[in-house]
Amino acid sequence: MELICPKCGAGMRTYERNGIHIDQCTSCRGVFLDRGELEHLVDAEQAFYKPAPAAPASAPAQPQVQYYYGHKKKKSLLTELFDF
């Protein structure tokens, strides 16, 4: 059974990313989720950005110096998820 886009009436394709079925229109590229899938995506995004555990208190604090050498910025989970 082919799904029809509710916006433009074109056919849709279904992708599976991280256990979530994503329906995307082949024409307007609209993305449609089933019930509960948005909440699942939000939970996955929060887990992706969960802060790292704190350093042990006994270690002296060292200044953190970060250098940028033109490398690509890390993509978010949602960006990777919808990168078709």
PDB file of N, CA and C in Angstrom:
ATOM      1  N   MET A   1       0.833  -1.168   0.000  1.00  0.00           N
ATOM      2  CA  MET A   1       0.000   0.000   0.000  1.00  0.00           C
ATOM      3  C   MET A   1       0.890   1.247   0.000  1.00  0.00           C
ATOM      4  N   GLU A   2       0.744   2.053  -1.019  1.00  0.00           N
ATOM      5  CA  GLU A   2       1.549   3.264  -1.130  1.00  0.00           C
ATOM      6  C   GLU A   2       0.883   4.401  -0.364  1.00  0.00           C
ATOM      7  N   LEU A   3       1.687   5.105   0.418  1.00  0.00           N
ATOM      8  CA  LEU A   3       1.178   6.257   1.155  1.00  0.00           C
ATOM      9  C   LEU A   3       1.158   7.472   0.243  1.00  0.00           C
ATOM     10  N   ILE A   4       0.173   8.316   0.432  1.00  0.00           N
ATOM     11  CA  ILE A   4       0.020   9.536  -0.346  1.00  0.00           C
ATOM     12  C   ILE A   4       0.272  10.730   0.579  1.00  0.00           C
ATOM     13  N   CYS A   5       1.051  11.686   0.111  1.00  0.00           N
ATOM     14  CA  CYS A   5       1.372  12.882   0.884  1.00  0.00           C
ATOM     15  C   CYS A   5       0.103  13.701   1.117  1.00  0.00           C
ATOM     16  N   PRO A   6      -0.191  14.046   2.384  1.00  0.00           N
ATOM     17  CA  PRO A   6      -1.384  14.849   2.645  1.00  0.00           C
ATOM     18  C   PRO A   6      -1.234  16.301   2.185  1.00  0.00           C
ATOM     19  N   LYS A   7      -0.022  16.736   1.909  1.00  0.00           N
ATOM     20  CA  LYS A   7       0.199  18.125   1.495  1.00  0.00           C
ATOM     21  C   LYS A   7       0.072  18.300  -0.015  1.00  0.00           C
ATOM     22  N   CYS A   8       0.769  17.448  -0.791  1.00  0.00           N
ATOM     23  CA  CYS A   8       0.787  17.664  -2.242  1.00  0.00           C
ATOM     24  C   CYS A   8       0.207  16.497  -3.050  1.00  0.00           C
ATOM     25  N   GLY A   9      -0.080  15.375  -2.404  1.00  0.00           N
ATOM     26  CA  GLY A   9      -0.698  14.252  -3.094  1.00  0.00           C
ATOM     27  C   GLY A   9       0.259  13.313  -3.813  1.00  0.00           C
ATOM     28  N   ALA A  10       1.569  13.543  -3.700  1.00  0.00           N
ATOM     29  CA  ALA A  10       2.557  12.664  -4.341  1.00  0.00           C
ATOM     30  C   ALA A  10       2.779  11.424  -3.476  1.00  0.00           C
ATOM     31  N   GLY A  11       3.491  10.464  -4.035  1.00  0.00           N
ATOM     32  CA  GLY A  11       3.819   9.249  -3.297  1.00  0.00           C
ATOM     33  C   GLY A  11       4.854   9.514  -2.211  1.00  0.00           C
ATOM     34  N   MET A  12       4.875   8.629  -1.221  1.00  0.00           N
ATOM     35  CA  MET A  12       5.808   8.790  -0.113  1.00  0.00           C
ATOM     36  C   MET A  12       6.671   7.550   0.030  1.00  0.00           C
ATOM     37  N   ARG A  13       7.867   7.751   0.570  1.00  0.00           N
ATOM     38  CA  ARG A  13       8.782   6.642   0.863  1.00  0.00           C
ATOM     39  C   ARG A  13       8.926   6.543   2.370  1.00  0.00           C
ATOM     40  N   THR A  14       9.155   5.331   2.857  1.00  0.00           N
ATOM     41  CA  THR A  14       9.347   5.101   4.280  1.00  0.00           C
ATOM     42  C   THR A  14      10.798   4.722   4.524  1.00  0.00           C
ATOM     43  N   TYR A  15      11.409   5.410   5.495  1.00  0.00           N
ATOM     44  CA  TYR A  15      12.782   5.138   5.905  1.00  0.00           C
ATOM     45  C   TYR A  15      12.748   4.678   7.351  1.00  0.00           C
ATOM     46  N   GLU A  16      13.706   3.849   7.712  1.00  0.00           N
ATOM     47  CA  GLU A  16      13.849   3.463   9.109  1.00  0.00           C
ATOM     48  C   GLU A  16      15.191   3.963   9.600  1.00  0.00           C
ATOM     49  N   ARG A  17      15.156   4.790  10.627  1.00  0.00           N
ATOM     50  CA  ARG A  17      16.376   5.327  11.230  1.00  0.00           C
ATOM     51  C   ARG A  17      16.268   5.153  12.733  1.00  0.00           C
ATOM     52  N   ASN A  18      17.213   4.457  13.312  1.00  0.00           N
ATOM     53  CA  ASN A  18      17.258   4.243  14.766  1.00  0.00           C
ATOM     54  C   ASN A  18      15.949   3.669  15.303  1.00  0.00           C
ATOM     55  N   GLY A  19      15.342   2.760  14.561  1.00  0.00           N
ATOM     56  CA  GLY A  19      14.113   2.114  15.003  1.00  0.00           C
ATOM     57  C   GLY A  19      12.858   2.938  14.807  1.00  0.00           C
ATOM     58  N   ILE A  20      12.958   4.068  14.122  1.00  0.00           N
ATOM     59  CA  ILE A  20      11.812   4.940  13.889  1.00  0.00           C
ATOM     60  C   ILE A  20      11.497   4.938  12.401  1.00  0.00           C
ATOM     61  N   HIS A  21      10.223   4.739  12.062  1.00  0.00           N
ATOM     62  CA  HIS A  21       9.797   4.770  10.663  1.00  0.00           C
ATOM     63  C   HIS A  21       9.415   6.203  10.306  1.00  0.00           C
ATOM     64  N   ILE A  22      10.084   6.736   9.304  1.00  0.00           N
ATOM     65  CA  ILE A  22       9.867   8.111   8.870  1.00  0.00           C
ATOM     66  C   ILE A  22       9.301   8.071   7.464  1.00  0.00           C
ATOM     67  N   ASP A  23       8.158   8.722   7.262  1.00  0.00           N
ATOM     68  CA  ASP A  23       7.544   8.811   5.943  1.00  0.00           C
ATOM     69  C   ASP A  23       7.922  10.154   5.341  1.00  0.00           C
ATOM     70  N   GLN A  24       8.503  10.119   4.126  1.00  0.00           N
ATOM     71  CA  GLN A  24       8.914  11.356   3.469  1.00  0.00           C
ATOM     72  C   GLN A  24       8.338  11.400   2.059  1.00  0.00           C
ATOM     73  N   CYS A  25       7.791  12.571   1.708  1.00  0.00           N
ATOM     74  CA  CYS A  25       7.213  12.774   0.388  1.00  0.00           C
ATOM     75  C   CYS A  25       8.325  12.819  -0.658  1.00  0.00           C
ATOM     76  N   THR A  26       8.100  12.177  -1.780  1.00  0.00           N
ATOM     77  CA  THR A  26       9.101  12.173  -2.855  1.00  0.00           C
ATOM     78  C   THR A  26       9.096  13.474  -3.641  1.00  0.00           C
ATOM     79  N   SER A  27       8.042  14.275  -3.497  1.00  0.00           N
ATOM     80  CA  SER A  27       7.936  15.522  -4.242  1.00  0.00           C
ATOM     81  C   SER A  27       8.289  16.740  -3.388  1.00  0.00           C
ATOM     82  N   CYS A  28       7.514  16.996  -2.343  1.00  0.00           N
ATOM     83  CA  CYS A  28       7.738  18.199  -1.529  1.00  0.00           C
ATOM     84  C   CYS A  28       8.739  17.961  -0.405  1.00  0.00           C
ATOM     85  N   ARG A  29       9.177  16.709  -0.212  1.00  0.00           N
ATOM     86  CA  ARG A  29      10.164  16.317   0.797  1.00  0.00           C
ATOM     87  C   ARG A  29       9.661  16.518   2.228  1.00  0.00           C
ATOM     88  N   GLY A  30       8.338  16.645   2.412  1.00  0.00           N
ATOM     89  CA  GLY A  30       7.762  16.757   3.750  1.00  0.00           C
ATOM     90  C   GLY A  30       8.006  15.485   4.532  1.00  0.00           C
ATOM     91  N   VAL A  31       8.193  15.613   5.835  1.00  0.00           N
ATOM     92  CA  VAL A  31       8.463  14.475   6.712  1.00  0.00           C
ATOM     93  C   VAL A  31       7.271  14.299   7.640  1.00  0.00           C
ATOM     94  N   PHE A  32       6.779  13.067   7.748  1.00  0.00           N
ATOM     95  CA  PHE A  32       5.614  12.768   8.563  1.00  0.00           C
ATOM     96  C   PHE A  32       5.946  11.625   9.500  1.00  0.00           C
ATOM     97  N   LEU A  33       5.550  11.788  10.768  1.00  0.00           N
ATOM     98  CA  LEU A  33       5.815  10.800  11.804  1.00  0.00           C
ATOM     99  C   LEU A  33       4.507  10.234  12.324  1.00  0.00           C
ATOM    100  N   ASP A  34       4.547   8.987  12.775  1.00  0.00           N
ATOM    101  CA  ASP A  34       3.377   8.373  13.397  1.00  0.00           C
ATOM    102  C   ASP A  34       3.318   8.774  14.866  1.00  0.00           C
ATOM    103  N   ARG A  35       2.225   8.441  15.510  1.00  0.00           N
ATOM    104  CA  ARG A  35       2.018   8.782  16.918  1.00  0.00           C
ATOM    105  C   ARG A  35       3.168   8.225  17.781  1.00  0.00           C
ATOM    106  N   GLY A  36       3.714   9.063  18.631  1.00  0.00           N
ATOM    107  CA  GLY A  36       4.749   8.642  19.566  1.00  0.00           C
ATOM    108  C   GLY A  36       6.163   8.737  19.018  1.00  0.00           C
ATOM    109  N   GLU A  37       6.310   8.855  17.716  1.00  0.00           N
ATOM    110  CA  GLU A  37       7.661   8.872  17.135  1.00  0.00           C
ATOM    111  C   GLU A  37       8.387  10.189  17.414  1.00  0.00           C
ATOM    112  N   LEU A  38       7.678  11.290  17.486  1.00  0.00           N
ATOM    113  CA  LEU A  38       8.320  12.558  17.810  1.00  0.00           C
ATOM    114  C   LEU A  38       8.888  12.500  19.228  1.00  0.00           C
ATOM    115  N   GLU A  39       8.138  11.949  20.163  1.00  0.00           N
ATOM    116  CA  GLU A  39       8.623  11.819  21.532  1.00  0.00           C
ATOM    117  C   GLU A  39       9.865  10.928  21.578  1.00  0.00           C
ATOM    118  N   HIS A  40       9.856   9.867  20.787  1.00  0.00           N
ATOM    119  CA  HIS A  40      11.012   8.974  20.720  1.00  0.00           C
ATOM    120  C   HIS A  40      12.231   9.733  20.183  1.00  0.00           C
ATOM    121  N   LEU A  41      12.043  10.569  19.185  1.00  0.00           N
ATOM    122  CA  LEU A  41      13.135  11.372  18.633  1.00  0.00           C
ATOM    123  C   LEU A  41      13.670  12.365  19.660  1.00  0.00           C
ATOM    124  N   VAL A  42      12.774  13.003  20.400  1.00  0.00           N
ATOM    125  CA  VAL A  42      13.195  13.964  21.422  1.00  0.00           C
ATOM    126  C   VAL A  42      14.000  13.257  22.508  1.00  0.00           C
ATOM    127  N   ASP A  43      13.554  12.079  22.941  1.00  0.00           N
ATOM    128  CA  ASP A  43      14.290  11.315  23.946  1.00  0.00           C
ATOM    129  C   ASP A  43      15.672  10.919  23.436  1.00  0.00           C
ATOM    130  N   ALA A  44      15.746  10.500  22.172  1.00  0.00           N
ATOM    131  CA  ALA A  44      17.037  10.119  21.586  1.00  0.00           C
ATOM    132  C   ALA A  44      17.963  11.324  21.490  1.00  0.00           C
ATOM    133  N   GLU A  45      17.420  12.492  21.142  1.00  0.00           N
ATOM    134  CA  GLU A  45      18.219  13.715  21.056  1.00  0.00           C
ATOM    135  C   GLU A  45      18.760  14.097  22.429  1.00  0.00           C
ATOM    136  N   GLN A  46      17.935  13.999  23.462  1.00  0.00           N
ATOM    137  CA  GLN A  46      18.391  14.325  24.812  1.00  0.00           C
ATOM    138  C   GLN A  46      19.471  13.360  25.277  1.00  0.00           C
ATOM    139  N   ALA A  47      19.331  12.081  24.957  1.00  0.00           N
ATOM    140  CA  ALA A  47      20.354  11.102  25.328  1.00  0.00           C
ATOM    141  C   ALA A  47      21.657  11.372  24.577  1.00  0.00           C
ATOM    142  N   PHE A  48      21.551  11.843  23.340  1.00  0.00           N
ATOM    143  CA  PHE A  48      22.719  12.139  22.521  1.00  0.00           C
ATOM    144  C   PHE A  48      23.535  13.285  23.128  1.00  0.00           C
ATOM    145  N   TYR A  49      22.843  14.285  23.685  1.00  0.00           N
ATOM    146  CA  TYR A  49      23.505  15.455  24.247  1.00  0.00           C
ATOM    147  C   TYR A  49      23.657  15.388  25.763  1.00  0.00           C
ATOM    148  N   LYS A  50      23.466  14.234  26.346  1.00  0.00           N
ATOM    149  CA  LYS A  50      23.597  14.068  27.784  1.00  0.00           C
ATOM    150  C   LYS A  50      25.011  14.479  28.202  1.00  0.00           C
ATOM    151  N   PRO A  51      25.139  15.327  29.251  1.00  0.00           N
ATOM    152  CA  PRO A  51      26.472  15.790  29.638  1.00  0.00           C
ATOM    153  C   PRO A  51      27.356  14.642  30.106  1.00  0.00           C
ATOM    154  N   ALA A  52      28.639  14.798  29.863  1.00  0.00           N
ATOM    155  CA  ALA A  52      29.618  13.792  30.278  1.00  0.00           C
ATOM    156  C   ALA A  52      29.714  13.797  31.796  1.00  0.00           C
ATOM    157  N   PRO A  53      30.085  12.666  32.395  1.00  0.00           N
ATOM    158  CA  PRO A  53      30.225  12.628  33.847  1.00  0.00           C
ATOM    159  C   PRO A  53      31.293  13.619  34.315  1.00  0.00           C
ATOM    160  N   ALA A  54      31.082  14.180  35.492  1.00  0.00           N
ATOM    161  CA  ALA A  54      32.019  15.165  36.048  1.00  0.00           C
ATOM    162  C   ALA A  54      33.347  14.504  36.397  1.00  0.00           C
ATOM    163  N   ALA A  55      34.420  15.282  36.308  1.00  0.00           N
ATOM    164  CA  ALA A  55      35.753  14.783  36.658  1.00  0.00           C
ATOM    165  C   ALA A  55      35.815  14.556  38.160  1.00  0.00           C
ATOM    166  N   PRO A  56      36.656  13.628  38.612  1.00  0.00           N
ATOM    167  CA  PRO A  56      36.795  13.390  40.048  1.00  0.00           C
ATOM    168  C   PRO A  56      37.239  14.667  40.764  1.00  0.00           C
ATOM    169  N   ALA A  57      36.739  14.862  41.984  1.00  0.00           N
ATOM    170  CA  ALA A  57      37.034  16.081  42.750  1.00  0.00           C
ATOM    171  C   ALA A  57      38.495  16.145  43.183  1.00  0.00           C
ATOM    172  N   SER A  58      39.177  15.010  43.286  1.00  0.00           N
ATOM    173  CA  SER A  58      40.560  15.002  43.767  1.00  0.00           C
ATOM    174  C   SER A  58      41.546  15.534  42.725  1.00  0.00           C
ATOM    175  N   ALA A  59      41.188  15.503  41.474  1.00  0.00           N
ATOM    176  CA  ALA A  59      42.097  15.968  40.433  1.00  0.00           C
ATOM    177  C   ALA A  59      42.040  17.491  40.341  1.00  0.00           C
ATOM    178  N   PRO A  60      43.214  18.149  40.279  1.00  0.00           N
ATOM    179  CA  PRO A  60      43.191  19.608  40.147  1.00  0.00           C
ATOM    180  C   PRO A  60      42.621  20.002  38.790  1.00  0.00           C
ATOM    181  N   ALA A  61      41.892  21.104  38.787  1.00  0.00           N
ATOM    182  CA  ALA A  61      41.268  21.573  37.553  1.00  0.00           C
ATOM    183  C   ALA A  61      42.330  22.107  36.602  1.00  0.00           C
ATOM    184  N   GLN A  62      42.307  21.640  35.390  1.00  0.00           N
ATOM    185  CA  GLN A  62      43.237  22.095  34.361  1.00  0.00           C
ATOM    186  C   GLN A  62      42.461  22.988  33.403  1.00  0.00           C
ATOM    187  N   PRO A  63      43.051  24.088  32.977  1.00  0.00           N
ATOM    188  CA  PRO A  63      42.343  24.918  31.999  1.00  0.00           C
ATOM    189  C   PRO A  63      42.151  24.154  30.694  1.00  0.00           C
ATOM    190  N   GLN A  64      40.969  24.272  30.151  1.00  0.00           N
ATOM    191  CA  GLN A  64      40.653  23.591  28.901  1.00  0.00           C
ATOM    192  C   GLN A  64      40.888  24.550  27.734  1.00  0.00           C
ATOM    193  N   VAL A  65      41.764  24.151  26.828  1.00  0.00           N
ATOM    194  CA  VAL A  65      42.050  24.953  25.650  1.00  0.00           C
ATOM    195  C   VAL A  65      41.602  24.144  24.443  1.00  0.00           C
ATOM    196  N   GLN A  66      40.756  24.746  23.644  1.00  0.00           N
ATOM    197  CA  GLN A  66      40.289  24.054  22.444  1.00  0.00           C
ATOM    198  C   GLN A  66      40.697  24.859  21.225  1.00  0.00           C
ATOM    199  N   TYR A  67      41.153  24.157  20.227  1.00  0.00           N
ATOM    200  CA  TYR A  67      41.571  24.802  18.988  1.00  0.00           C
ATOM    201  C   TYR A  67      40.646  24.348  17.878  1.00  0.00           C
ATOM    202  N   TYR A  68      40.370  25.236  16.958  1.00  0.00           N
ATOM    203  CA  TYR A  68      39.513  24.925  15.820  1.00  0.00           C
ATOM    204  C   TYR A  68      40.384  24.947  14.570  1.00  0.00           C
ATOM    205  N   TYR A  69      40.421  23.822  13.882  1.00  0.00           N
ATOM    206  CA  TYR A  69      41.237  23.694  12.684  1.00  0.00           C
ATOM    207  C   TYR A  69      40.408  23.536  11.425  1.00  0.00           C
ATOM    208  N   GLY A  70      39.179  24.007  11.453  1.00  0.00           N
ATOM    209  CA  GLY A  70      38.343  23.936  10.260  1.00  0.00           C
ATOM    210  C   GLY A  70      37.642  22.608  10.082  1.00  0.00           C
ATOM    211  N   HIS A  71      37.626  21.759  11.112  1.00  0.00           N
ATOM    212  CA  HIS A  71      36.912  20.489  11.009  1.00  0.00           C
ATOM    213  C   HIS A  71      35.415  20.745  11.076  1.00  0.00           C
ATOM    214  N   LYS A  72      34.664  19.836  10.518  1.00  0.00           N
ATOM    215  CA  LYS A  72      33.218  19.972  10.535  1.00  0.00           C
ATOM    216  C   LYS A  72      32.692  19.866  11.965  1.00  0.00           C
ATOM    217  N   LYS A  73      31.689  20.667  12.258  1.00  0.00           N
ATOM    218  CA  LYS A  73      31.044  20.627  13.554  1.00  0.00           C
ATOM    219  C   LYS A  73      30.231  19.334  13.650  1.00  0.00           C
ATOM    220  N   LYS A  74      30.198  18.749  14.829  1.00  0.00           N
ATOM    221  CA  LYS A  74      29.453  17.519  15.043  1.00  0.00           C
ATOM    222  C   LYS A  74      27.973  17.768  14.783  1.00  0.00           C
ATOM    223  N   LYS A  75      27.352  16.913  13.989  1.00  0.00           N
ATOM    224  CA  LYS A  75      25.938  17.055  13.670  1.00  0.00           C
ATOM    225  C   LYS A  75      25.107  16.562  14.840  1.00  0.00           C
ATOM    226  N   SER A  76      23.918  17.103  14.959  1.00  0.00           N
ATOM    227  CA  SER A  76      23.008  16.622  15.983  1.00  0.00           C
ATOM    228  C   SER A  76      22.382  15.315  15.515  1.00  0.00           C
ATOM    229  N   LEU A  77      21.799  14.607  16.444  1.00  0.00           N
ATOM    230  CA  LEU A  77      21.152  13.344  16.116  1.00  0.00           C
ATOM    231  C   LEU A  77      20.024  13.558  15.117  1.00  0.00           C
ATOM    232  N   LEU A  78      19.244  14.621  15.288  1.00  0.00           N
ATOM    233  CA  LEU A  78      18.135  14.870  14.364  1.00  0.00           C
ATOM    234  C   LEU A  78      18.646  15.192  12.969  1.00  0.00           C
ATOM    235  N   THR A  79      19.760  15.925  12.869  1.00  0.00           N
ATOM    236  CA  THR A  79      20.326  16.238  11.561  1.00  0.00           C
ATOM    237  C   THR A  79      20.774  14.957  10.870  1.00  0.00           C
ATOM    238  N   GLU A  80      21.432  14.066  11.620  1.00  0.00           N
ATOM    239  CA  GLU A  80      21.865  12.798  11.031  1.00  0.00           C
ATOM    240  C   GLU A  80      20.685  11.921  10.693  1.00  0.00           C
ATOM    241  N   LEU A  81      19.653  11.979  11.513  1.00  0.00           N
ATOM    242  CA  LEU A  81      18.481  11.141  11.304  1.00  0.00           C
ATOM    243  C   LEU A  81      17.755  11.497  10.025  1.00  0.00           C
ATOM    244  N   PHE A  82      17.637  12.793   9.727  1.00  0.00           N
ATOM    245  CA  PHE A  82      16.901  13.242   8.550  1.00  0.00           C
ATOM    246  C   PHE A  82      17.798  13.516   7.371  1.00  0.00           C
ATOM    247  N   ASP A  83      19.057  13.147   7.415  1.00  0.00           N
ATOM    248  CA  ASP A  83      19.981  13.354   6.316  1.00  0.00           C
ATOM    249  C   ASP A  83      19.835  12.216   5.322  1.00  0.00           C
ATOM    250  N   PHE A  84      18.925  12.382   4.364  1.00  0.00           N
ATOM    251  CA  PHE A  84      18.621  11.309   3.401  1.00  0.00           C
ATOM    252  C   PHE A  84      19.537  11.391   2.250  1.00  0.00           C
TER     253      PHE A  84
END
